[in-house]
N, C-alpha and C. Protein backbone atom coordinates (compact mmCIF):
# COMPACT_ATOMS: atom_id res chain seq x y z
N PHE A 1 124.24 94.83 98.81
CA PHE A 1 123.13 93.91 98.58
C PHE A 1 123.35 92.61 99.33
N GLY A 2 124.61 92.21 99.50
CA GLY A 2 124.91 90.94 100.13
C GLY A 2 124.49 90.88 101.58
N VAL A 3 124.81 91.91 102.34
CA VAL A 3 124.50 91.91 103.77
C VAL A 3 122.99 91.97 103.99
N VAL A 4 122.31 92.82 103.25
CA VAL A 4 120.86 92.95 103.39
C VAL A 4 120.17 91.67 102.90
N GLY A 5 120.70 91.10 101.83
CA GLY A 5 120.15 89.84 101.33
C GLY A 5 120.32 88.70 102.32
N LEU A 6 121.46 88.68 103.02
CA LEU A 6 121.66 87.65 104.05
C LEU A 6 120.67 87.79 105.19
N ALA A 7 120.37 89.01 105.57
CA ALA A 7 119.38 89.22 106.64
C ALA A 7 118.01 88.72 106.21
N ALA A 8 117.58 89.07 105.01
CA ALA A 8 116.27 88.63 104.52
C ALA A 8 116.23 87.12 104.33
N ALA A 9 117.29 86.55 103.78
CA ALA A 9 117.34 85.10 103.57
C ALA A 9 117.37 84.36 104.91
N GLY A 10 118.12 84.88 105.86
CA GLY A 10 118.18 84.24 107.18
C GLY A 10 116.84 84.21 107.88
N LEU A 11 116.12 85.32 107.82
CA LEU A 11 114.79 85.35 108.43
C LEU A 11 113.83 84.42 107.71
N SER A 12 113.94 84.32 106.40
CA SER A 12 113.08 83.40 105.65
C SER A 12 113.35 81.96 106.05
N VAL A 13 114.62 81.62 106.19
CA VAL A 13 114.98 80.25 106.59
C VAL A 13 114.47 79.95 108.00
N VAL A 14 114.60 80.91 108.91
CA VAL A 14 114.10 80.70 110.27
C VAL A 14 112.60 80.45 110.26
N LEU A 15 111.85 81.24 109.52
CA LEU A 15 110.40 81.04 109.47
C LEU A 15 110.02 79.71 108.84
N ILE A 16 110.71 79.33 107.77
CA ILE A 16 110.40 78.06 107.10
C ILE A 16 110.79 76.88 107.99
N ALA A 17 111.94 76.97 108.66
CA ALA A 17 112.40 75.87 109.50
C ALA A 17 111.52 75.70 110.74
N MET A 18 110.95 76.77 111.25
CA MET A 18 110.14 76.69 112.46
C MET A 18 108.68 76.37 112.18
N LYS A 19 108.26 76.40 110.93
CA LYS A 19 106.85 76.26 110.59
C LYS A 19 106.29 74.84 110.69
N PRO A 20 107.00 73.76 110.36
CA PRO A 20 106.34 72.46 110.19
C PRO A 20 105.44 72.00 111.34
N ASN A 21 105.87 72.09 112.57
CA ASN A 21 105.07 71.58 113.68
C ASN A 21 104.41 72.68 114.50
N ARG A 22 104.42 73.89 113.99
CA ARG A 22 103.91 75.02 114.75
C ARG A 22 102.98 75.86 113.88
N SER A 23 102.19 76.68 114.54
CA SER A 23 101.41 77.65 113.77
C SER A 23 102.37 78.78 113.37
N GLN A 24 101.94 79.59 112.44
CA GLN A 24 102.80 80.68 111.96
C GLN A 24 103.09 81.66 113.10
N LEU A 25 102.13 81.89 113.97
CA LEU A 25 102.34 82.80 115.09
C LEU A 25 103.41 82.27 116.04
N GLU A 26 103.40 80.96 116.28
CA GLU A 26 104.44 80.37 117.14
C GLU A 26 105.80 80.42 116.47
N ALA A 27 105.83 80.26 115.15
CA ALA A 27 107.10 80.30 114.42
C ALA A 27 107.73 81.69 114.48
N VAL A 28 106.90 82.73 114.49
CA VAL A 28 107.42 84.09 114.55
C VAL A 28 108.14 84.34 115.87
N GLN A 29 107.72 83.65 116.93
CA GLN A 29 108.35 83.84 118.23
C GLN A 29 109.83 83.47 118.21
N TYR A 30 110.23 82.59 117.31
CA TYR A 30 111.62 82.17 117.24
C TYR A 30 112.51 83.18 116.52
N THR A 31 111.92 84.18 115.95
CA THR A 31 112.74 85.20 115.28
C THR A 31 113.48 86.08 116.28
N HIS A 32 113.05 86.07 117.56
CA HIS A 32 113.76 86.84 118.57
C HIS A 32 115.21 86.39 118.66
N SER A 33 115.41 85.08 118.59
CA SER A 33 116.79 84.56 118.68
C SER A 33 117.61 84.98 117.47
N PHE A 34 116.98 85.09 116.31
CA PHE A 34 117.71 85.59 115.13
C PHE A 34 118.13 87.04 115.34
N GLY A 35 117.24 87.84 115.92
CA GLY A 35 117.58 89.23 116.22
C GLY A 35 118.71 89.35 117.22
N PHE A 36 118.71 88.48 118.24
CA PHE A 36 119.80 88.49 119.21
C PHE A 36 121.10 88.08 118.55
N GLY A 37 121.04 87.10 117.66
CA GLY A 37 122.24 86.68 116.94
C GLY A 37 122.75 87.78 116.01
N ALA A 38 121.84 88.51 115.38
CA ALA A 38 122.25 89.62 114.51
C ALA A 38 122.96 90.70 115.32
N SER A 39 122.46 90.98 116.51
CA SER A 39 123.12 91.97 117.37
C SER A 39 124.50 91.49 117.80
N SER A 40 124.61 90.21 118.11
CA SER A 40 125.91 89.65 118.50
C SER A 40 126.91 89.71 117.35
N ILE A 41 126.46 89.36 116.16
CA ILE A 41 127.33 89.41 114.99
C ILE A 41 127.80 90.84 114.74
N ALA A 42 126.88 91.79 114.88
CA ALA A 42 127.23 93.19 114.67
C ALA A 42 128.27 93.65 115.69
N LEU A 43 128.09 93.25 116.93
CA LEU A 43 129.05 93.62 117.96
C LEU A 43 130.43 93.06 117.65
N PHE A 44 130.51 91.78 117.32
CA PHE A 44 131.81 91.17 117.05
C PHE A 44 132.44 91.71 115.78
N ALA A 45 131.65 92.03 114.78
CA ALA A 45 132.21 92.60 113.55
C ALA A 45 132.79 93.99 113.81
N ARG A 46 132.10 94.78 114.63
CA ARG A 46 132.64 96.10 114.97
C ARG A 46 133.95 95.97 115.74
N VAL A 47 133.97 95.04 116.69
CA VAL A 47 135.19 94.85 117.49
C VAL A 47 136.33 94.35 116.61
N ALA A 48 136.05 93.39 115.74
CA ALA A 48 137.10 92.86 114.87
C ALA A 48 137.63 93.94 113.92
N GLY A 49 136.74 94.73 113.37
CA GLY A 49 137.16 95.82 112.50
C GLY A 49 138.00 96.84 113.25
N GLY A 50 137.62 97.13 114.49
CA GLY A 50 138.39 98.07 115.30
C GLY A 50 139.76 97.54 115.66
N ILE A 51 139.85 96.25 115.94
CA ILE A 51 141.15 95.65 116.25
C ILE A 51 142.06 95.70 115.04
N TYR A 52 141.52 95.37 113.87
CA TYR A 52 142.33 95.41 112.65
C TYR A 52 142.82 96.83 112.37
N THR A 53 141.92 97.78 112.54
CA THR A 53 142.27 99.18 112.31
C THR A 53 143.37 99.64 113.26
N LYS A 54 143.20 99.32 114.53
CA LYS A 54 144.17 99.76 115.54
C LYS A 54 145.52 99.08 115.34
N ALA A 55 145.53 97.80 114.99
CA ALA A 55 146.80 97.10 114.78
C ALA A 55 147.57 97.71 113.61
N ALA A 56 146.89 98.02 112.54
CA ALA A 56 147.56 98.63 111.39
C ALA A 56 148.07 100.03 111.74
N ASP A 57 147.30 100.77 112.50
CA ASP A 57 147.69 102.13 112.89
C ASP A 57 148.92 102.11 113.79
N VAL A 58 148.92 101.23 114.77
CA VAL A 58 150.07 101.14 115.69
C VAL A 58 151.32 100.71 114.93
N GLY A 59 151.18 99.74 114.03
CA GLY A 59 152.34 99.29 113.26
C GLY A 59 152.91 100.40 112.40
N ALA A 60 152.05 101.15 111.75
CA ALA A 60 152.52 102.24 110.89
C ALA A 60 153.18 103.33 111.72
N ASP A 61 152.62 103.65 112.88
CA ASP A 61 153.20 104.70 113.71
C ASP A 61 154.53 104.28 114.31
N LEU A 62 154.63 103.02 114.73
CA LEU A 62 155.89 102.56 115.33
C LEU A 62 157.03 102.59 114.32
N VAL A 63 156.77 102.06 113.14
CA VAL A 63 157.82 102.03 112.13
C VAL A 63 158.17 103.44 111.67
N GLY A 64 157.17 104.24 111.38
CA GLY A 64 157.41 105.57 110.84
C GLY A 64 158.07 106.51 111.82
N LYS A 65 157.60 106.53 113.05
CA LYS A 65 158.11 107.50 114.02
C LYS A 65 159.41 107.06 114.66
N THR A 66 159.49 105.81 115.07
CA THR A 66 160.67 105.38 115.83
C THR A 66 161.86 105.01 114.95
N GLU A 67 161.60 104.32 113.86
CA GLU A 67 162.72 103.83 113.06
C GLU A 67 163.11 104.78 111.93
N LEU A 68 162.14 105.43 111.32
CA LEU A 68 162.45 106.25 110.14
C LEU A 68 162.37 107.76 110.40
N ASP A 69 161.94 108.16 111.57
CA ASP A 69 161.80 109.58 111.90
C ASP A 69 160.89 110.32 110.91
N LEU A 70 159.79 109.71 110.55
CA LEU A 70 158.83 110.32 109.63
C LEU A 70 157.61 110.81 110.41
N PRO A 71 156.95 111.86 109.95
CA PRO A 71 155.72 112.28 110.62
C PRO A 71 154.61 111.26 110.38
N GLU A 72 153.55 111.37 111.18
CA GLU A 72 152.44 110.43 111.06
C GLU A 72 151.76 110.57 109.71
N ASP A 73 151.39 109.44 109.12
CA ASP A 73 150.71 109.35 107.82
C ASP A 73 151.53 109.97 106.69
N ASP A 74 152.84 109.84 106.77
CA ASP A 74 153.72 110.31 105.70
C ASP A 74 153.69 109.29 104.56
N PRO A 75 153.47 109.71 103.32
CA PRO A 75 153.38 108.75 102.21
C PRO A 75 154.69 108.00 101.94
N ARG A 76 155.81 108.46 102.49
CA ARG A 76 157.06 107.73 102.30
C ARG A 76 157.15 106.49 103.17
N ASN A 77 156.27 106.39 104.14
CA ASN A 77 156.23 105.22 105.03
C ASN A 77 155.33 104.15 104.40
N PRO A 78 155.88 102.98 104.03
CA PRO A 78 155.06 101.95 103.39
C PRO A 78 153.95 101.42 104.31
N ALA A 79 154.13 101.52 105.61
CA ALA A 79 153.12 101.02 106.52
C ALA A 79 151.87 101.91 106.54
N VAL A 80 151.96 103.11 106.01
CA VAL A 80 150.80 104.00 105.96
C VAL A 80 149.72 103.39 105.06
N VAL A 81 150.12 102.70 104.01
CA VAL A 81 149.16 102.04 103.13
C VAL A 81 148.37 100.99 103.93
N ALA A 82 149.08 100.21 104.74
CA ALA A 82 148.41 99.22 105.59
C ALA A 82 147.48 99.91 106.58
N ASP A 83 147.90 101.06 107.09
CA ASP A 83 147.06 101.81 108.01
C ASP A 83 145.78 102.27 107.34
N LEU A 84 145.88 102.80 106.12
CA LEU A 84 144.69 103.25 105.40
C LEU A 84 143.78 102.08 105.02
N VAL A 85 144.39 100.95 104.66
CA VAL A 85 143.58 99.75 104.38
C VAL A 85 142.88 99.29 105.65
N GLY A 86 143.59 99.36 106.77
CA GLY A 86 142.98 98.99 108.05
C GLY A 86 141.81 99.88 108.40
N ASP A 87 141.94 101.17 108.15
CA ASP A 87 140.82 102.08 108.39
C ASP A 87 139.63 101.72 107.51
N ASN A 88 139.90 101.40 106.26
CA ASN A 88 138.83 101.05 105.33
C ASN A 88 138.14 99.75 105.75
N VAL A 89 138.93 98.75 106.15
CA VAL A 89 138.35 97.47 106.58
C VAL A 89 137.51 97.67 107.82
N GLY A 90 138.00 98.47 108.77
CA GLY A 90 137.24 98.72 109.98
C GLY A 90 135.92 99.41 109.70
N ASP A 91 135.95 100.40 108.81
CA ASP A 91 134.72 101.12 108.46
C ASP A 91 133.73 100.21 107.75
N CYS A 92 134.23 99.38 106.84
CA CYS A 92 133.34 98.49 106.09
C CYS A 92 132.73 97.42 106.99
N CYS A 93 133.52 96.90 107.91
CA CYS A 93 132.98 95.91 108.85
C CYS A 93 131.86 96.52 109.68
N ALA A 94 132.10 97.71 110.19
CA ALA A 94 131.09 98.36 111.02
C ALA A 94 129.84 98.68 110.22
N ARG A 95 130.00 99.15 109.00
CA ARG A 95 128.84 99.51 108.17
C ARG A 95 128.01 98.27 107.84
N GLY A 96 128.67 97.21 107.44
CA GLY A 96 127.95 95.97 107.12
C GLY A 96 127.25 95.39 108.34
N ALA A 97 127.93 95.42 109.48
CA ALA A 97 127.33 94.91 110.70
C ALA A 97 126.11 95.73 111.10
N ASP A 98 126.21 97.03 110.98
CA ASP A 98 125.06 97.89 111.31
C ASP A 98 123.88 97.64 110.38
N LEU A 99 124.15 97.46 109.10
CA LEU A 99 123.08 97.18 108.14
C LEU A 99 122.37 95.86 108.49
N PHE A 100 123.16 94.84 108.77
CA PHE A 100 122.60 93.52 109.07
C PHE A 100 121.74 93.58 110.33
N GLU A 101 122.28 94.22 111.37
CA GLU A 101 121.56 94.28 112.64
C GLU A 101 120.29 95.12 112.53
N SER A 102 120.41 96.30 111.95
CA SER A 102 119.24 97.18 111.90
C SER A 102 118.14 96.63 111.00
N LEU A 103 118.52 96.03 109.87
CA LEU A 103 117.50 95.48 108.98
C LEU A 103 116.82 94.27 109.63
N SER A 104 117.60 93.42 110.28
CA SER A 104 117.00 92.26 110.95
C SER A 104 116.04 92.70 112.05
N ALA A 105 116.46 93.66 112.84
CA ALA A 105 115.60 94.14 113.92
C ALA A 105 114.33 94.80 113.38
N GLU A 106 114.47 95.53 112.29
CA GLU A 106 113.31 96.19 111.68
C GLU A 106 112.29 95.18 111.18
N ILE A 107 112.76 94.18 110.46
CA ILE A 107 111.85 93.16 109.92
C ILE A 107 111.20 92.37 111.05
N ILE A 108 111.99 91.98 112.04
CA ILE A 108 111.45 91.20 113.16
C ILE A 108 110.41 92.00 113.92
N GLY A 109 110.69 93.27 114.17
CA GLY A 109 109.72 94.11 114.86
C GLY A 109 108.41 94.23 114.11
N ALA A 110 108.50 94.42 112.81
CA ALA A 110 107.28 94.53 112.00
C ALA A 110 106.53 93.20 111.95
N MET A 111 107.26 92.09 111.91
CA MET A 111 106.60 90.78 111.90
C MET A 111 105.89 90.52 113.24
N ILE A 112 106.52 90.93 114.32
CA ILE A 112 105.90 90.76 115.63
C ILE A 112 104.65 91.62 115.75
N LEU A 113 104.72 92.84 115.23
CA LEU A 113 103.52 93.69 115.24
C LEU A 113 102.39 93.06 114.41
N GLY A 114 102.73 92.52 113.25
CA GLY A 114 101.72 91.84 112.43
C GLY A 114 101.15 90.63 113.13
N GLY A 115 102.02 89.86 113.79
CA GLY A 115 101.54 88.69 114.53
C GLY A 115 100.67 89.05 115.70
N SER A 116 101.02 90.12 116.41
CA SER A 116 100.18 90.53 117.54
C SER A 116 98.84 91.08 117.06
N LEU A 117 98.84 91.74 115.91
CA LEU A 117 97.58 92.21 115.34
C LEU A 117 96.67 91.03 115.01
N VAL A 118 97.26 89.98 114.45
CA VAL A 118 96.50 88.78 114.13
C VAL A 118 96.01 88.10 115.41
N ALA A 119 96.86 88.02 116.42
CA ALA A 119 96.50 87.33 117.66
C ALA A 119 95.36 88.04 118.38
N ARG A 120 95.29 89.35 118.29
CA ARG A 120 94.21 90.09 118.97
C ARG A 120 92.89 90.00 118.20
N ASN A 121 92.97 89.73 116.92
CA ASN A 121 91.75 89.67 116.09
C ASN A 121 91.60 88.30 115.44
N VAL A 122 91.79 87.25 116.22
CA VAL A 122 91.79 85.89 115.68
C VAL A 122 90.46 85.54 115.02
N THR A 123 89.38 85.96 115.60
CA THR A 123 88.08 85.57 115.05
C THR A 123 87.76 86.28 113.75
N GLU A 124 88.34 87.45 113.52
CA GLU A 124 88.01 88.23 112.34
C GLU A 124 88.95 87.98 111.16
N ILE A 125 90.10 87.35 111.41
CA ILE A 125 91.12 87.17 110.36
C ILE A 125 91.29 85.69 110.08
N SER A 126 91.25 85.33 108.81
CA SER A 126 91.44 83.92 108.44
C SER A 126 92.90 83.53 108.56
N SER A 127 93.17 82.23 108.58
CA SER A 127 94.56 81.76 108.76
C SER A 127 95.44 82.12 107.56
N SER A 128 94.86 82.15 106.35
CA SER A 128 95.66 82.54 105.19
C SER A 128 96.00 84.03 105.24
N SER A 129 95.10 84.84 105.75
CA SER A 129 95.39 86.27 105.90
C SER A 129 96.39 86.52 107.01
N ALA A 130 96.37 85.67 108.03
CA ALA A 130 97.31 85.82 109.15
C ALA A 130 98.75 85.72 108.65
N LEU A 131 98.99 84.78 107.76
CA LEU A 131 100.33 84.64 107.18
C LEU A 131 100.73 85.89 106.41
N ASN A 132 99.79 86.52 105.73
CA ASN A 132 100.08 87.74 104.98
C ASN A 132 100.51 88.88 105.90
N PHE A 133 99.86 89.00 107.05
CA PHE A 133 100.25 90.04 108.01
C PHE A 133 101.68 89.84 108.50
N ILE A 134 102.06 88.59 108.70
CA ILE A 134 103.37 88.29 109.25
C ILE A 134 104.46 88.38 108.18
N ALA A 135 104.17 87.91 106.98
CA ALA A 135 105.18 87.86 105.93
C ALA A 135 105.34 89.16 105.15
N PHE A 136 104.42 90.09 105.31
CA PHE A 136 104.47 91.33 104.54
C PHE A 136 105.79 92.10 104.71
N PRO A 137 106.29 92.32 105.94
CA PRO A 137 107.56 93.04 106.07
C PRO A 137 108.72 92.36 105.35
N LEU A 138 108.74 91.05 105.39
CA LEU A 138 109.80 90.32 104.69
C LEU A 138 109.65 90.46 103.19
N ALA A 139 108.43 90.39 102.70
CA ALA A 139 108.19 90.54 101.26
C ALA A 139 108.57 91.94 100.77
N VAL A 140 108.31 92.95 101.58
CA VAL A 140 108.66 94.32 101.21
C VAL A 140 110.17 94.45 101.04
N HIS A 141 110.93 93.88 101.96
CA HIS A 141 112.38 94.01 101.86
C HIS A 141 112.97 93.16 100.75
N VAL A 142 112.36 92.05 100.43
CA VAL A 142 112.82 91.27 99.28
C VAL A 142 112.58 92.07 98.00
N MET A 143 111.42 92.73 97.91
CA MET A 143 111.16 93.58 96.74
C MET A 143 112.13 94.77 96.69
N ASP A 144 112.48 95.31 97.86
CA ASP A 144 113.49 96.38 97.91
C ASP A 144 114.79 95.93 97.26
N LEU A 145 115.21 94.72 97.58
CA LEU A 145 116.46 94.21 97.02
C LEU A 145 116.36 94.06 95.50
N ILE A 146 115.25 93.54 95.03
CA ILE A 146 115.08 93.33 93.59
C ILE A 146 115.07 94.67 92.86
N VAL A 147 114.29 95.62 93.36
CA VAL A 147 114.19 96.93 92.71
C VAL A 147 115.53 97.67 92.76
N SER A 148 116.24 97.57 93.89
CA SER A 148 117.56 98.23 94.00
C SER A 148 118.56 97.62 93.02
N THR A 149 118.51 96.30 92.87
CA THR A 149 119.42 95.64 91.92
C THR A 149 119.12 96.10 90.49
N ILE A 150 117.86 96.18 90.13
CA ILE A 150 117.49 96.66 88.79
C ILE A 150 117.95 98.10 88.61
N GLY A 151 117.77 98.94 89.63
CA GLY A 151 118.19 100.33 89.54
C GLY A 151 119.69 100.48 89.36
N VAL A 152 120.46 99.67 90.09
CA VAL A 152 121.93 99.73 89.95
C VAL A 152 122.35 99.27 88.56
N MET A 153 121.70 98.24 88.05
CA MET A 153 122.06 97.74 86.72
C MET A 153 121.65 98.72 85.62
N ALA A 154 120.61 99.51 85.87
CA ALA A 154 120.13 100.44 84.85
C ALA A 154 121.03 101.66 84.72
N VAL A 155 121.76 101.99 85.75
CA VAL A 155 122.61 103.18 85.71
C VAL A 155 123.91 102.83 84.99
N ARG A 156 124.22 103.58 83.97
CA ARG A 156 125.45 103.36 83.20
C ARG A 156 126.27 104.64 83.25
N PRO A 157 127.49 104.56 83.75
CA PRO A 157 128.32 105.78 83.77
C PRO A 157 128.82 106.10 82.36
N ASP A 158 128.94 107.38 82.09
CA ASP A 158 129.48 107.80 80.80
C ASP A 158 130.98 107.67 80.82
N ASN A 159 131.53 107.22 79.72
CA ASN A 159 133.00 107.04 79.64
C ASN A 159 133.66 108.29 79.14
């Protein structure tokens, strides 16, 4: 919920911060930079997770194979725990980065489509309705978060 919530909150802040001196359509244009930043964050998170994973793996293999004569991933090697933790951290970093990037890109794309629909039909759509076309994708994902949180809280495991 945290990563997806950060994407939705970040886009909301960008739209609110860009709105004061601009029309809503002009404010939507600045979301491209948020999408580029989301892609950059995802790239660096994947790289950082991979570096952590590889460092733990190399350390475990060096100690286990060269010094203790143990096979790879032998539970008697204490560094194997660090290796498994490194694998977990790398996977979690990549998963969170992918969620943030894909959700940001999805919302931005839908907002741009809504804005272009409004821009092509300016005479037929009022300014209050124009905001609804642009904000609808963001509102849908905020409701997704709320409903998912309620669903998670409603599930109780049997003891």
